[in-house]
Amino acid sequence: MSAPTIDTGRDHHLEQSLSSAVQFQERWWAVHAKCKGKTHLFFAPAGERPEARARREDLARKYCAVCPVQVPCRDEARVNHEAGLWGGENEEQRAAAGYAPRAITRRAVQVAVSVGSRQATAS
């Protein structure tokens, strides 16, 4: 008598499908985001000058202002410590609120992190 064989390929496919479903459910809001296809407005190119960054973020915030999923987008960035502009907030604003990005790439973010931590300890 031989041992039964297990079709691991089918189990793997089911596991992938479940994982995809969970990811979609967690990011349901992304389907409704006004920023789709406009990544260049929400994430800085390498070597971007401060004036160009201010103009780019101002334009990006106009999309956020009319976006029906601004709050879950902002919350996603805060929880996952994302870089870029999410839900109308940039890295400095999230850092000041206590949600610093994983990688601090600008001095202004470092300053916001220290200000945010001082405010938290003063409370």
PDB file of N, CA and C in Angstrom:
ATOM      1  N   MET A   1       0.842  -1.168   0.000  1.00  0.00           N
ATOM      2  CA  MET A   1       0.000   0.000   0.000  1.00  0.00           C
ATOM      3  C   MET A   1       0.893   1.239   0.000  1.00  0.00           C
ATOM      4  N   SER A   2       0.626   2.177  -0.867  1.00  0.00           N
ATOM      5  CA  SER A   2       1.442   3.388  -0.953  1.00  0.00           C
ATOM      6  C   SER A   2       0.742   4.549  -0.238  1.00  0.00           C
ATOM      7  N   ALA A   3       1.552   5.485   0.212  1.00  0.00           N
ATOM      8  CA  ALA A   3       1.022   6.655   0.924  1.00  0.00           C
ATOM      9  C   ALA A   3       0.317   7.570  -0.070  1.00  0.00           C
ATOM     10  N   PRO A   4      -0.734   8.240   0.366  1.00  0.00           N
ATOM     11  CA  PRO A   4      -1.428   9.167  -0.533  1.00  0.00           C
ATOM     12  C   PRO A   4      -0.516  10.349  -0.880  1.00  0.00           C
ATOM     13  N   THR A   5      -0.671  10.840  -2.093  1.00  0.00           N
ATOM     14  CA  THR A   5       0.126  11.995  -2.516  1.00  0.00           C
ATOM     15  C   THR A   5      -0.693  13.269  -2.313  1.00  0.00           C
ATOM     16  N   ILE A   6      -0.007  14.314  -2.028  1.00  0.00           N
ATOM     17  CA  ILE A   6      -0.662  15.612  -1.806  1.00  0.00           C
ATOM     18  C   ILE A   6      -0.302  16.518  -2.965  1.00  0.00           C
ATOM     19  N   ASP A   7      -1.308  17.114  -3.549  1.00  0.00           N
ATOM     20  CA  ASP A   7      -1.100  18.041  -4.662  1.00  0.00           C
ATOM     21  C   ASP A   7      -0.746  19.417  -4.088  1.00  0.00           C
ATOM     22  N   THR A   8       0.555  19.666  -3.887  1.00  0.00           N
ATOM     23  CA  THR A   8       0.991  20.930  -3.293  1.00  0.00           C
ATOM     24  C   THR A   8       0.808  22.106  -4.247  1.00  0.00           C
ATOM     25  N   GLY A   9       0.772  21.854  -5.521  1.00  0.00           N
ATOM     26  CA  GLY A   9       0.560  22.927  -6.497  1.00  0.00           C
ATOM     27  C   GLY A   9      -0.808  23.569  -6.318  1.00  0.00           C
ATOM     28  N   ARG A  10      -1.809  22.757  -6.093  1.00  0.00           N
ATOM     29  CA  ARG A  10      -3.166  23.272  -5.899  1.00  0.00           C
ATOM     30  C   ARG A  10      -3.259  24.053  -4.584  1.00  0.00           C
ATOM     31  N   ASP A  11      -2.641  23.537  -3.534  1.00  0.00           N
ATOM     32  CA  ASP A  11      -2.646  24.232  -2.247  1.00  0.00           C
ATOM     33  C   ASP A  11      -1.933  25.577  -2.354  1.00  0.00           C
ATOM     34  N   HIS A  12      -0.836  25.611  -3.067  1.00  0.00           N
ATOM     35  CA  HIS A  12      -0.076  26.855  -3.250  1.00  0.00           C
ATOM     36  C   HIS A  12      -0.931  27.882  -3.988  1.00  0.00           C
ATOM     37  N   HIS A  13      -1.651  27.445  -5.020  1.00  0.00           N
ATOM     38  CA  HIS A  13      -2.518  28.346  -5.787  1.00  0.00           C
ATOM     39  C   HIS A  13      -3.613  28.915  -4.884  1.00  0.00           C
ATOM     40  N   LEU A  14      -4.199  28.086  -4.050  1.00  0.00           N
ATOM     41  CA  LEU A  14      -5.234  28.535  -3.123  1.00  0.00           C
ATOM     42  C   LEU A  14      -4.654  29.532  -2.126  1.00  0.00           C
ATOM     43  N   GLU A  15      -3.462  29.252  -1.628  1.00  0.00           N
ATOM     44  CA  GLU A  15      -2.808  30.150  -0.672  1.00  0.00           C
ATOM     45  C   GLU A  15      -2.540  31.517  -1.312  1.00  0.00           C
ATOM     46  N   GLN A  16      -2.084  31.515  -2.565  1.00  0.00           N
ATOM     47  CA  GLN A  16      -1.832  32.768  -3.279  1.00  0.00           C
ATOM     48  C   GLN A  16      -3.135  33.542  -3.479  1.00  0.00           C
ATOM     49  N   SER A  17      -4.195  32.842  -3.835  1.00  0.00           N
ATOM     50  CA  SER A  17      -5.489  33.492  -4.050  1.00  0.00           C
ATOM     51  C   SER A  17      -5.993  34.130  -2.762  1.00  0.00           C
ATOM     52  N   LEU A  18      -5.864  33.412  -1.652  1.00  0.00           N
ATOM     53  CA  LEU A  18      -6.292  33.954  -0.364  1.00  0.00           C
ATOM     54  C   LEU A  18      -5.453  35.163   0.021  1.00  0.00           C
ATOM     55  N   SER A  19      -4.148  35.088  -0.213  1.00  0.00           N
ATOM     56  CA  SER A  19      -3.259  36.207   0.098  1.00  0.00           C
ATOM     57  C   SER A  19      -3.637  37.434  -0.725  1.00  0.00           C
ATOM     58  N   SER A  20      -3.919  37.245  -1.995  1.00  0.00           N
ATOM     59  CA  SER A  20      -4.329  38.354  -2.857  1.00  0.00           C
ATOM     60  C   SER A  20      -5.648  38.954  -2.390  1.00  0.00           C
ATOM     61  N   ALA A  21      -6.572  38.122  -1.994  1.00  0.00           N
ATOM     62  CA  ALA A  21      -7.871  38.596  -1.513  1.00  0.00           C
ATOM     63  C   ALA A  21      -7.716  39.420  -0.242  1.00  0.00           C
ATOM     64  N   VAL A  22      -6.853  38.980   0.650  1.00  0.00           N
ATOM     65  CA  VAL A  22      -6.627  39.714   1.902  1.00  0.00           C
ATOM     66  C   VAL A  22      -5.976  41.059   1.601  1.00  0.00           C
ATOM     67  N   GLN A  23      -4.984  41.077   0.716  1.00  0.00           N
ATOM     68  CA  GLN A  23      -4.329  42.329   0.356  1.00  0.00           C
ATOM     69  C   GLN A  23      -5.328  43.293  -0.269  1.00  0.00           C
ATOM     70  N   PHE A  24      -6.185  42.807  -1.151  1.00  0.00           N
ATOM     71  CA  PHE A  24      -7.186  43.663  -1.789  1.00  0.00           C
ATOM     72  C   PHE A  24      -8.141  44.214  -0.741  1.00  0.00           C
ATOM     73  N   GLN A  25      -8.566  43.376   0.181  1.00  0.00           N
ATOM     74  CA  GLN A  25      -9.502  43.816   1.204  1.00  0.00           C
ATOM     75  C   GLN A  25      -8.872  44.896   2.088  1.00  0.00           C
ATOM     76  N   GLU A  26      -7.593  44.755   2.403  1.00  0.00           N
ATOM     77  CA  GLU A  26      -6.913  45.749   3.225  1.00  0.00           C
ATOM     78  C   GLU A  26      -6.728  47.072   2.494  1.00  0.00           C
ATOM     79  N   ARG A  27      -6.630  47.035   1.175  1.00  0.00           N
ATOM     80  CA  ARG A  27      -6.410  48.262   0.391  1.00  0.00           C
ATOM     81  C   ARG A  27      -7.583  48.536  -0.538  1.00  0.00           C
ATOM     82  N   TRP A  28      -8.788  48.271  -0.102  1.00  0.00           N
ATOM     83  CA  TRP A  28      -9.989  48.503  -0.904  1.00  0.00           C
ATOM     84  C   TRP A  28     -10.063  49.938  -1.394  1.00  0.00           C
ATOM     85  N   TRP A  29      -9.586  50.840  -0.582  1.00  0.00           N
ATOM     86  CA  TRP A  29      -9.688  52.262  -0.872  1.00  0.00           C
ATOM     87  C   TRP A  29      -8.895  52.669  -2.111  1.00  0.00           C
ATOM     88  N   ALA A  30      -7.813  51.939  -2.417  1.00  0.00           N
ATOM     89  CA  ALA A  30      -6.947  52.309  -3.540  1.00  0.00           C
ATOM     90  C   ALA A  30      -7.679  52.300  -4.873  1.00  0.00           C
ATOM     91  N   VAL A  31      -8.707  51.487  -4.985  1.00  0.00           N
ATOM     92  CA  VAL A  31      -9.497  51.415  -6.217  1.00  0.00           C
ATOM     93  C   VAL A  31     -10.183  52.748  -6.495  1.00  0.00           C
ATOM     94  N   HIS A  32     -10.510  53.481  -5.439  1.00  0.00           N
ATOM     95  CA  HIS A  32     -11.258  54.732  -5.561  1.00  0.00           C
ATOM     96  C   HIS A  32     -10.376  55.978  -5.511  1.00  0.00           C
ATOM     97  N   ALA A  33      -9.070  55.810  -5.412  1.00  0.00           N
ATOM     98  CA  ALA A  33      -8.146  56.936  -5.260  1.00  0.00           C
ATOM     99  C   ALA A  33      -8.083  57.786  -6.533  1.00  0.00           C
ATOM    100  N   LYS A  34      -8.042  59.090  -6.360  1.00  0.00           N
ATOM    101  CA  LYS A  34      -7.952  60.032  -7.482  1.00  0.00           C
ATOM    102  C   LYS A  34      -6.540  60.108  -8.062  1.00  0.00           C
ATOM    103  N   CYS A  35      -5.552  59.565  -7.350  1.00  0.00           N
ATOM    104  CA  CYS A  35      -4.157  59.692  -7.767  1.00  0.00           C
ATOM    105  C   CYS A  35      -3.701  58.598  -8.727  1.00  0.00           C
ATOM    106  N   LYS A  36      -4.562  57.667  -9.063  1.00  0.00           N
ATOM    107  CA  LYS A  36      -4.144  56.566  -9.942  1.00  0.00           C
ATOM    108  C   LYS A  36      -3.495  57.110 -11.219  1.00  0.00           C
ATOM    109  N   GLY A  37      -2.306  56.604 -11.520  1.00  0.00           N
ATOM    110  CA  GLY A  37      -1.600  57.013 -12.725  1.00  0.00           C
ATOM    111  C   GLY A  37      -0.816  58.309 -12.572  1.00  0.00           C
ATOM    112  N   LYS A  38      -0.762  58.863 -11.387  1.00  0.00           N
ATOM    113  CA  LYS A  38      -0.092  60.140 -11.166  1.00  0.00           C
ATOM    114  C   LYS A  38       1.042  60.018 -10.145  1.00  0.00           C
ATOM    115  N   THR A  39       1.697  58.885 -10.129  1.00  0.00           N
ATOM    116  CA  THR A  39       2.751  58.600  -9.165  1.00  0.00           C
ATOM    117  C   THR A  39       3.807  59.700  -9.128  1.00  0.00           C
ATOM    118  N   HIS A  40       4.134  60.270 -10.281  1.00  0.00           N
ATOM    119  CA  HIS A  40       5.175  61.297 -10.360  1.00  0.00           C
ATOM    120  C   HIS A  40       4.860  62.526  -9.502  1.00  0.00           C
ATOM    121  N   LEU A  41       3.602  62.751  -9.172  1.00  0.00           N
ATOM    122  CA  LEU A  41       3.235  63.892  -8.325  1.00  0.00           C
ATOM    123  C   LEU A  41       3.396  63.589  -6.834  1.00  0.00           C
ATOM    124  N   PHE A  42       3.328  62.333  -6.469  1.00  0.00           N
ATOM    125  CA  PHE A  42       3.279  61.957  -5.062  1.00  0.00           C
ATOM    126  C   PHE A  42       4.603  61.440  -4.501  1.00  0.00           C
ATOM    127  N   PHE A  43       5.556  61.170  -5.382  1.00  0.00           N
ATOM    128  CA  PHE A  43       6.864  60.678  -4.959  1.00  0.00           C
ATOM    129  C   PHE A  43       7.954  61.476  -5.655  1.00  0.00           C
ATOM    130  N   ALA A  44       8.902  61.973  -4.867  1.00  0.00           N
ATOM    131  CA  ALA A  44       9.948  62.861  -5.379  1.00  0.00           C
ATOM    132  C   ALA A  44      10.959  62.128  -6.245  1.00  0.00           C
ATOM    133  N   PRO A  45      11.357  62.761  -7.347  1.00  0.00           N
ATOM    134  CA  PRO A  45      12.471  62.200  -8.117  1.00  0.00           C
ATOM    135  C   PRO A  45      13.778  62.494  -7.381  1.00  0.00           C
ATOM    136  N   ALA A  46      14.802  61.750  -7.693  1.00  0.00           N
ATOM    137  CA  ALA A  46      16.109  61.956  -7.060  1.00  0.00           C
ATOM    138  C   ALA A  46      16.614  63.362  -7.352  1.00  0.00           C
ATOM    139  N   GLY A  47      17.152  64.021  -6.340  1.00  0.00           N
ATOM    140  CA  GLY A  47      17.754  65.337  -6.520  1.00  0.00           C
ATOM    141  C   GLY A  47      16.763  66.470  -6.696  1.00  0.00           C
ATOM    142  N   GLU A  48      15.524  66.262  -6.318  1.00  0.00           N
ATOM    143  CA  GLU A  48      14.509  67.314  -6.493  1.00  0.00           C
ATOM    144  C   GLU A  48      14.826  68.520  -5.607  1.00  0.00           C
ATOM    145  N   ARG A  49      14.741  69.711  -6.176  1.00  0.00           N
ATOM    146  CA  ARG A  49      15.006  70.943  -5.430  1.00  0.00           C
ATOM    147  C   ARG A  49      13.784  71.297  -4.570  1.00  0.00           C
ATOM    148  N   PRO A  50      14.005  71.995  -3.465  1.00  0.00           N
ATOM    149  CA  PRO A  50      12.890  72.335  -2.567  1.00  0.00           C
ATOM    150  C   PRO A  50      11.740  73.098  -3.240  1.00  0.00           C
ATOM    151  N   GLU A  51      12.073  74.022  -4.143  1.00  0.00           N
ATOM    152  CA  GLU A  51      11.024  74.800  -4.828  1.00  0.00           C
ATOM    153  C   GLU A  51      10.174  73.889  -5.723  1.00  0.00           C
ATOM    154  N   ALA A  52      10.841  72.984  -6.420  1.00  0.00           N
ATOM    155  CA  ALA A  52      10.130  72.043  -7.288  1.00  0.00           C
ATOM    156  C   ALA A  52       9.279  71.094  -6.446  1.00  0.00           C
ATOM    157  N   ARG A  53       9.810  70.687  -5.313  1.00  0.00           N
ATOM    158  CA  ARG A  53       9.062  69.807  -4.414  1.00  0.00           C
ATOM    159  C   ARG A  53       7.798  70.499  -3.918  1.00  0.00           C
ATOM    160  N   ALA A  54       7.907  71.754  -3.534  1.00  0.00           N
ATOM    161  CA  ALA A  54       6.746  72.509  -3.042  1.00  0.00           C
ATOM    162  C   ALA A  54       5.672  72.593  -4.134  1.00  0.00           C
ATOM    163  N   ARG A  55       6.073  72.872  -5.369  1.00  0.00           N
ATOM    164  CA  ARG A  55       5.106  72.956  -6.483  1.00  0.00           C
ATOM    165  C   ARG A  55       4.451  71.600  -6.737  1.00  0.00           C
ATOM    166  N   ARG A  56       5.283  70.542  -6.749  1.00  0.00           N
ATOM    167  CA  ARG A  56       4.759  69.194  -7.005  1.00  0.00           C
ATOM    168  C   ARG A  56       3.778  68.781  -5.918  1.00  0.00           C
ATOM    169  N   GLU A  57       4.146  69.007  -4.647  1.00  0.00           N
ATOM    170  CA  GLU A  57       3.265  68.624  -3.547  1.00  0.00           C
ATOM    171  C   GLU A  57       1.989  69.458  -3.513  1.00  0.00           C
ATOM    172  N   ASP A  58       2.072  70.740  -3.879  1.00  0.00           N
ATOM    173  CA  ASP A  58       0.855  71.568  -3.935  1.00  0.00           C
ATOM    174  C   ASP A  58      -0.134  71.002  -4.947  1.00  0.00           C
ATOM    175  N   LEU A  59       0.377  70.594  -6.101  1.00  0.00           N
ATOM    176  CA  LEU A  59      -0.489  69.998  -7.121  1.00  0.00           C
ATOM    177  C   LEU A  59      -1.050  68.657  -6.636  1.00  0.00           C
ATOM    178  N   ALA A  60      -0.219  67.849  -6.016  1.00  0.00           N
ATOM    179  CA  ALA A  60      -0.665  66.550  -5.502  1.00  0.00           C
ATOM    180  C   ALA A  60      -1.757  66.741  -4.445  1.00  0.00           C
ATOM    181  N   ARG A  61      -1.592  67.734  -3.585  1.00  0.00           N
ATOM    182  CA  ARG A  61      -2.588  67.988  -2.530  1.00  0.00           C
ATOM    183  C   ARG A  61      -3.950  68.379  -3.104  1.00  0.00           C
ATOM    184  N   LYS A  62      -3.943  68.969  -4.289  1.00  0.00           N
ATOM    185  CA  LYS A  62      -5.229  69.306  -4.934  1.00  0.00           C
ATOM    186  C   LYS A  62      -5.993  68.037  -5.275  1.00  0.00           C
ATOM    187  N   TYR A  63      -5.285  67.001  -5.684  1.00  0.00           N
ATOM    188  CA  TYR A  63      -5.934  65.707  -5.927  1.00  0.00           C
ATOM    189  C   TYR A  63      -6.452  65.133  -4.613  1.00  0.00           C
ATOM    190  N   CYS A  64      -5.618  65.200  -3.578  1.00  0.00           N
ATOM    191  CA  CYS A  64      -6.011  64.666  -2.265  1.00  0.00           C
ATOM    192  C   CYS A  64      -7.238  65.384  -1.708  1.00  0.00           C
ATOM    193  N   ALA A  65      -7.327  66.681  -1.935  1.00  0.00           N
ATOM    194  CA  ALA A  65      -8.416  67.475  -1.369  1.00  0.00           C
ATOM    195  C   ALA A  65      -9.787  67.026  -1.868  1.00  0.00           C
ATOM    196  N   VAL A  66      -9.833  66.472  -3.065  1.00  0.00           N
ATOM    197  CA  VAL A  66     -11.121  66.031  -3.628  1.00  0.00           C
ATOM    198  C   VAL A  66     -11.247  64.513  -3.669  1.00  0.00           C
ATOM    199  N   CYS A  67     -10.303  63.827  -3.054  1.00  0.00           N
ATOM    200  CA  CYS A  67     -10.290  62.371  -3.098  1.00  0.00           C
ATOM    201  C   CYS A  67     -11.219  61.787  -2.033  1.00  0.00           C
ATOM    202  N   PRO A  68     -12.072  60.836  -2.408  1.00  0.00           N
ATOM    203  CA  PRO A  68     -13.005  60.253  -1.440  1.00  0.00           C
ATOM    204  C   PRO A  68     -12.342  59.309  -0.435  1.00  0.00           C
ATOM    205  N   VAL A  69     -11.072  58.957  -0.663  1.00  0.00           N
ATOM    206  CA  VAL A  69     -10.396  58.010   0.239  1.00  0.00           C
ATOM    207  C   VAL A  69      -9.147  58.625   0.878  1.00  0.00           C
ATOM    208  N   GLN A  70      -9.173  59.921   1.102  1.00  0.00           N
ATOM    209  CA  GLN A  70      -8.023  60.611   1.671  1.00  0.00           C
ATOM    210  C   GLN A  70      -7.656  60.071   3.053  1.00  0.00           C
ATOM    211  N   VAL A  71      -8.625  59.836   3.912  1.00  0.00           N
ATOM    212  CA  VAL A  71      -8.340  59.392   5.283  1.00  0.00           C
ATOM    213  C   VAL A  71      -7.720  57.989   5.317  1.00  0.00           C
ATOM    214  N   PRO A  72      -8.290  56.974   4.648  1.00  0.00           N
ATOM    215  CA  PRO A  72      -7.621  55.666   4.691  1.00  0.00           C
ATOM    216  C   PRO A  72      -6.255  55.674   4.014  1.00  0.00           C
ATOM    217  N   CYS A  73      -6.075  56.516   3.030  1.00  0.00           N
ATOM    218  CA  CYS A  73      -4.779  56.645   2.365  1.00  0.00           C
ATOM    219  C   CYS A  73      -3.754  57.195   3.351  1.00  0.00           C
ATOM    220  N   ARG A  74      -4.108  58.274   4.039  1.00  0.00           N
ATOM    221  CA  ARG A  74      -3.213  58.863   5.039  1.00  0.00           C
ATOM    222  C   ARG A  74      -2.899  57.860   6.150  1.00  0.00           C
ATOM    223  N   ASP A  75      -3.930  57.146   6.605  1.00  0.00           N
ATOM    224  CA  ASP A  75      -3.737  56.165   7.668  1.00  0.00           C
ATOM    225  C   ASP A  75      -2.805  55.034   7.234  1.00  0.00           C
ATOM    226  N   GLU A  76      -2.926  54.602   5.998  1.00  0.00           N
ATOM    227  CA  GLU A  76      -2.044  53.559   5.450  1.00  0.00           C
ATOM    228  C   GLU A  76      -0.591  54.018   5.496  1.00  0.00           C
ATOM    229  N   ALA A  77      -0.350  55.268   5.089  1.00  0.00           N
ATOM    230  CA  ALA A  77       1.017  55.804   5.096  1.00  0.00           C
ATOM    231  C   ALA A  77       1.557  55.920   6.510  1.00  0.00           C
ATOM    232  N   ARG A  78       0.710  56.315   7.431  1.00  0.00           N
ATOM    233  CA  ARG A  78       1.154  56.448   8.822  1.00  0.00           C
ATOM    234  C   ARG A  78       1.517  55.092   9.412  1.00  0.00           C
ATOM    235  N   VAL A  79       0.650  54.132   9.251  1.00  0.00           N
ATOM    236  CA  VAL A  79       0.867  52.797   9.830  1.00  0.00           C
ATOM    237  C   VAL A  79       2.096  52.121   9.229  1.00  0.00           C
ATOM    238  N   ASN A  80       2.296  52.292   7.934  1.00  0.00           N
ATOM    239  CA  ASN A  80       3.399  51.618   7.242  1.00  0.00           C
ATOM    240  C   ASN A  80       4.654  52.481   7.097  1.00  0.00           C
ATOM    241  N   HIS A  81       4.642  53.675   7.677  1.00  0.00           N
ATOM    242  CA  HIS A  81       5.799  54.583   7.651  1.00  0.00           C
ATOM    243  C   HIS A  81       6.308  54.799   6.232  1.00  0.00           C
ATOM    244  N   GLU A  82       5.388  55.185   5.360  1.00  0.00           N
ATOM    245  CA  GLU A  82       5.710  55.365   3.944  1.00  0.00           C
ATOM    246  C   GLU A  82       6.401  56.696   3.667  1.00  0.00           C
ATOM    247  N   ALA A  83       7.081  56.752   2.547  1.00  0.00           N
ATOM    248  CA  ALA A  83       7.653  57.995   2.032  1.00  0.00           C
ATOM    249  C   ALA A  83       6.690  58.542   0.976  1.00  0.00           C
ATOM    250  N   GLY A  84       6.827  59.797   0.643  1.00  0.00           N
ATOM    251  CA  GLY A  84       5.969  60.400  -0.368  1.00  0.00           C
ATOM    252  C   GLY A  84       4.776  61.094   0.250  1.00  0.00           C
ATOM    253  N   LEU A  85       3.933  61.613  -0.601  1.00  0.00           N
ATOM    254  CA  LEU A  85       2.741  62.321  -0.162  1.00  0.00           C
ATOM    255  C   LEU A  85       1.551  61.362  -0.238  1.00  0.00           C
ATOM    256  N   TRP A  86       0.940  61.098   0.891  1.00  0.00           N
ATOM    257  CA  TRP A  86      -0.194  60.177   0.998  1.00  0.00           C
ATOM    258  C   TRP A  86      -1.306  60.877   1.767  1.00  0.00           C
ATOM    259  N   GLY A  87      -2.501  60.885   1.237  1.00  0.00           N
ATOM    260  CA  GLY A  87      -3.631  61.470   1.948  1.00  0.00           C
ATOM    261  C   GLY A  87      -3.426  62.931   2.289  1.00  0.00           C
ATOM    262  N   GLY A  88      -2.668  63.636   1.469  1.00  0.00           N
ATOM    263  CA  GLY A  88      -2.415  65.048   1.685  1.00  0.00           C
ATOM    264  C   GLY A  88      -1.288  65.343   2.657  1.00  0.00           C
ATOM    265  N   GLU A  89      -0.621  64.329   3.156  1.00  0.00           N
ATOM    266  CA  GLU A  89       0.470  64.498   4.126  1.00  0.00           C
ATOM    267  C   GLU A  89       1.797  64.062   3.532  1.00  0.00           C
ATOM    268  N   ASN A  90       2.842  64.884   3.741  1.00  0.00           N
ATOM    269  CA  ASN A  90       4.180  64.472   3.324  1.00  0.00           C
ATOM    270  C   ASN A  90       4.920  63.874   4.518  1.00  0.00           C
ATOM    271  N   GLU A  91       6.178  63.493   4.300  1.00  0.00           N
ATOM    272  CA  GLU A  91       6.944  62.832   5.360  1.00  0.00           C
ATOM    273  C   GLU A  91       7.104  63.694   6.608  1.00  0.00           C
ATOM    274  N   GLU A  92       7.355  64.998   6.413  1.00  0.00           N
ATOM    275  CA  GLU A  92       7.533  65.886   7.568  1.00  0.00           C
ATOM    276  C   GLU A  92       6.273  65.945   8.409  1.00  0.00           C
ATOM    277  N   GLN A  93       5.134  66.047   7.754  1.00  0.00           N
ATOM    278  CA  GLN A  93       3.864  66.135   8.487  1.00  0.00           C
ATOM    279  C   GLN A  93       3.576  64.844   9.243  1.00  0.00           C
ATOM    280  N   ARG A  94       3.838  63.701   8.614  1.00  0.00           N
ATOM    281  CA  ARG A  94       3.635  62.427   9.312  1.00  0.00           C
ATOM    282  C   ARG A  94       4.619  62.276  10.463  1.00  0.00           C
ATOM    283  N   ALA A  95       5.872  62.688  10.244  1.00  0.00           N
ATOM    284  CA  ALA A  95       6.875  62.594  11.307  1.00  0.00           C
ATOM    285  C   ALA A  95       6.487  63.463  12.495  1.00  0.00           C
ATOM    286  N   ALA A  96       6.002  64.663  12.234  1.00  0.00           N
ATOM    287  CA  ALA A  96       5.576  65.563  13.308  1.00  0.00           C
ATOM    288  C   ALA A  96       4.396  64.977  14.074  1.00  0.00           C
ATOM    289  N   ALA A  97       3.590  64.166  13.394  1.00  0.00           N
ATOM    290  CA  ALA A  97       2.438  63.515  14.043  1.00  0.00           C
ATOM    291  C   ALA A  97       2.844  62.210  14.729  1.00  0.00           C
ATOM    292  N   GLY A  98       4.142  61.869  14.656  1.00  0.00           N
ATOM    293  CA  GLY A  98       4.627  60.664  15.326  1.00  0.00           C
ATOM    294  C   GLY A  98       4.745  59.452  14.437  1.00  0.00           C
ATOM    295  N   TYR A  99       4.678  59.636  13.123  1.00  0.00           N
ATOM    296  CA  TYR A  99       4.753  58.522  12.168  1.00  0.00           C
ATOM    297  C   TYR A  99       5.884  58.777  11.174  1.00  0.00           C
ATOM    298  N   ALA A 100       7.105  58.707  11.631  1.00  0.00           N
ATOM    299  CA  ALA A 100       8.258  58.962  10.761  1.00  0.00           C
ATOM    300  C   ALA A 100       8.398  57.865   9.713  1.00  0.00           C
ATOM    301  N   PRO A 101       8.905  58.224   8.521  1.00  0.00           N
ATOM    302  CA  PRO A 101       9.135  57.190   7.498  1.00  0.00           C
ATOM    303  C   PRO A 101      10.250  56.251   7.923  1.00  0.00           C
ATOM    304  N   ARG A 102      10.295  55.090   7.301  1.00  0.00           N
ATOM    305  CA  ARG A 102      11.340  54.102   7.613  1.00  0.00           C
ATOM    306  C   ARG A 102      12.729  54.666   7.335  1.00  0.00           C
ATOM    307  N   ALA A 103      12.875  55.355   6.228  1.00  0.00           N
ATOM    308  CA  ALA A 103      14.164  55.937   5.849  1.00  0.00           C
ATOM    309  C   ALA A 103      14.019  57.454   5.819  1.00  0.00           C
ATOM    310  N   ILE A 104      14.788  58.127   6.643  1.00  0.00           N
ATOM    311  CA  ILE A 104      14.732  59.588   6.681  1.00  0.00           C
ATOM    312  C   ILE A 104      15.732  60.100   5.659  1.00  0.00           C
ATOM    313  N   THR A 105      15.197  60.758   4.625  1.00  0.00           N
ATOM    314  CA  THR A 105      16.041  61.152   3.504  1.00  0.00           C
ATOM    315  C   THR A 105      16.316  62.647   3.461  1.00  0.00           C
ATOM    316  N   ARG A 106      15.590  63.442   4.241  1.00  0.00           N
ATOM    317  CA  ARG A 106      15.800  64.889   4.226  1.00  0.00           C
ATOM    318  C   ARG A 106      15.946  65.403   5.651  1.00  0.00           C
ATOM    319  N   ARG A 107      16.719  66.452   5.790  1.00  0.00           N
ATOM    320  CA  ARG A 107      16.924  67.063   7.107  1.00  0.00           C
ATOM    321  C   ARG A 107      15.596  67.527   7.693  1.00  0.00           C
ATOM    322  N   ALA A 108      14.698  68.043   6.873  1.00  0.00           N
ATOM    323  CA  ALA A 108      13.404  68.537   7.358  1.00  0.00           C
ATOM    324  C   ALA A 108      12.605  67.418   8.031  1.00  0.00           C
ATOM    325  N   VAL A 109      12.737  66.198   7.539  1.00  0.00           N
ATOM    326  CA  VAL A 109      12.042  65.068   8.158  1.00  0.00           C
ATOM    327  C   VAL A 109      12.666  64.772   9.510  1.00  0.00           C
ATOM    328  N   GLN A 110      13.996  64.825   9.596  1.00  0.00           N
ATOM    329  CA  GLN A 110      14.685  64.589  10.866  1.00  0.00           C
ATOM    330  C   GLN A 110      14.257  65.612  11.907  1.00  0.00           C
ATOM    331  N   VAL A 111      14.139  66.869  11.509  1.00  0.00           N
ATOM    332  CA  VAL A 111      13.688  67.929  12.417  1.00  0.00           C
ATOM    333  C   VAL A 111      12.262  67.633  12.883  1.00  0.00           C
ATOM    334  N   ALA A 112      11.391  67.245  11.957  1.00  0.00           N
ATOM    335  CA  ALA A 112      10.001  66.932  12.317  1.00  0.00           C
ATOM    336  C   ALA A 112       9.927  65.748  13.272  1.00  0.00           C
ATOM    337  N   VAL A 113      10.789  64.766  13.082  1.00  0.00           N
ATOM    338  CA  VAL A 113      10.819  63.610  13.983  1.00  0.00           C
ATOM    339  C   VAL A 113      11.172  64.070  15.392  1.00  0.00           C
ATOM    340  N   SER A 114      12.203  64.904  15.520  1.00  0.00           N
ATOM    341  CA  SER A 114      12.607  65.349  16.854  1.00  0.00           C
ATOM    342  C   SER A 114      11.549  66.240  17.483  1.00  0.00           C
ATOM    343  N   VAL A 115      10.880  67.079  16.719  1.00  0.00           N
ATOM    344  CA  VAL A 115       9.796  67.914  17.242  1.00  0.00           C
ATOM    345  C   VAL A 115       8.633  67.031  17.693  1.00  0.00           C
ATOM    346  N   GLY A 116       8.284  66.052  16.880  1.00  0.00           N
ATOM    347  CA  GLY A 116       7.193  65.140  17.224  1.00  0.00           C
ATOM    348  C   GLY A 116       7.487  64.352  18.477  1.00  0.00           C
ATOM    349  N   SER A 117       8.728  63.900  18.657  1.00  0.00           N
ATOM    350  CA  SER A 117       9.057  63.125  19.848  1.00  0.00           C
ATOM    351  C   SER A 117       9.089  64.011  21.091  1.00  0.00           C
ATOM    352  N   ARG A 118       9.497  65.266  20.941  1.00  0.00           N
ATOM    353  CA  ARG A 118       9.469  66.193  22.074  1.00  0.00           C
ATOM    354  C   ARG A 118       8.038  66.486  22.500  1.00  0.00           C
ATOM    355  N   GLN A 119       7.138  66.630  21.525  1.00  0.00           N
ATOM    356  CA  GLN A 119       5.731  66.881  21.852  1.00  0.00           C
ATOM    357  C   GLN A 119       5.122  65.689  22.557  1.00  0.00           C
ATOM    358  N   ALA A 120       5.493  64.488  22.145  1.00  0.00           N
ATOM    359  CA  ALA A 120       4.948  63.266  22.748  1.00  0.00           C
ATOM    360  C   ALA A 120       5.406  63.121  24.198  1.00  0.00           C
ATOM    361  N   THR A 121       6.653  63.476  24.484  1.00  0.00           N
ATOM    362  CA  THR A 121       7.154  63.342  25.854  1.00  0.00           C
ATOM    363  C   THR A 121       6.638  64.453  26.753  1.00  0.00           C
ATOM    364  N   ALA A 122       6.264  65.582  26.170  1.00  0.00           N
ATOM    365  CA  ALA A 122       5.732  66.693  26.961  1.00  0.00           C
ATOM    366  C   ALA A 122       4.295  66.439  27.389  1.00  0.00           C
ATOM    367  N   SER A 123       3.592  65.562  26.697  1.00  0.00           N
ATOM    368  CA  SER A 123       2.175  65.296  27.021  1.00  0.00           C
ATOM    369  C   SER A 123       2.011  64.476  28.254  1.00  0.00           C
TER     370      SER A 123
END
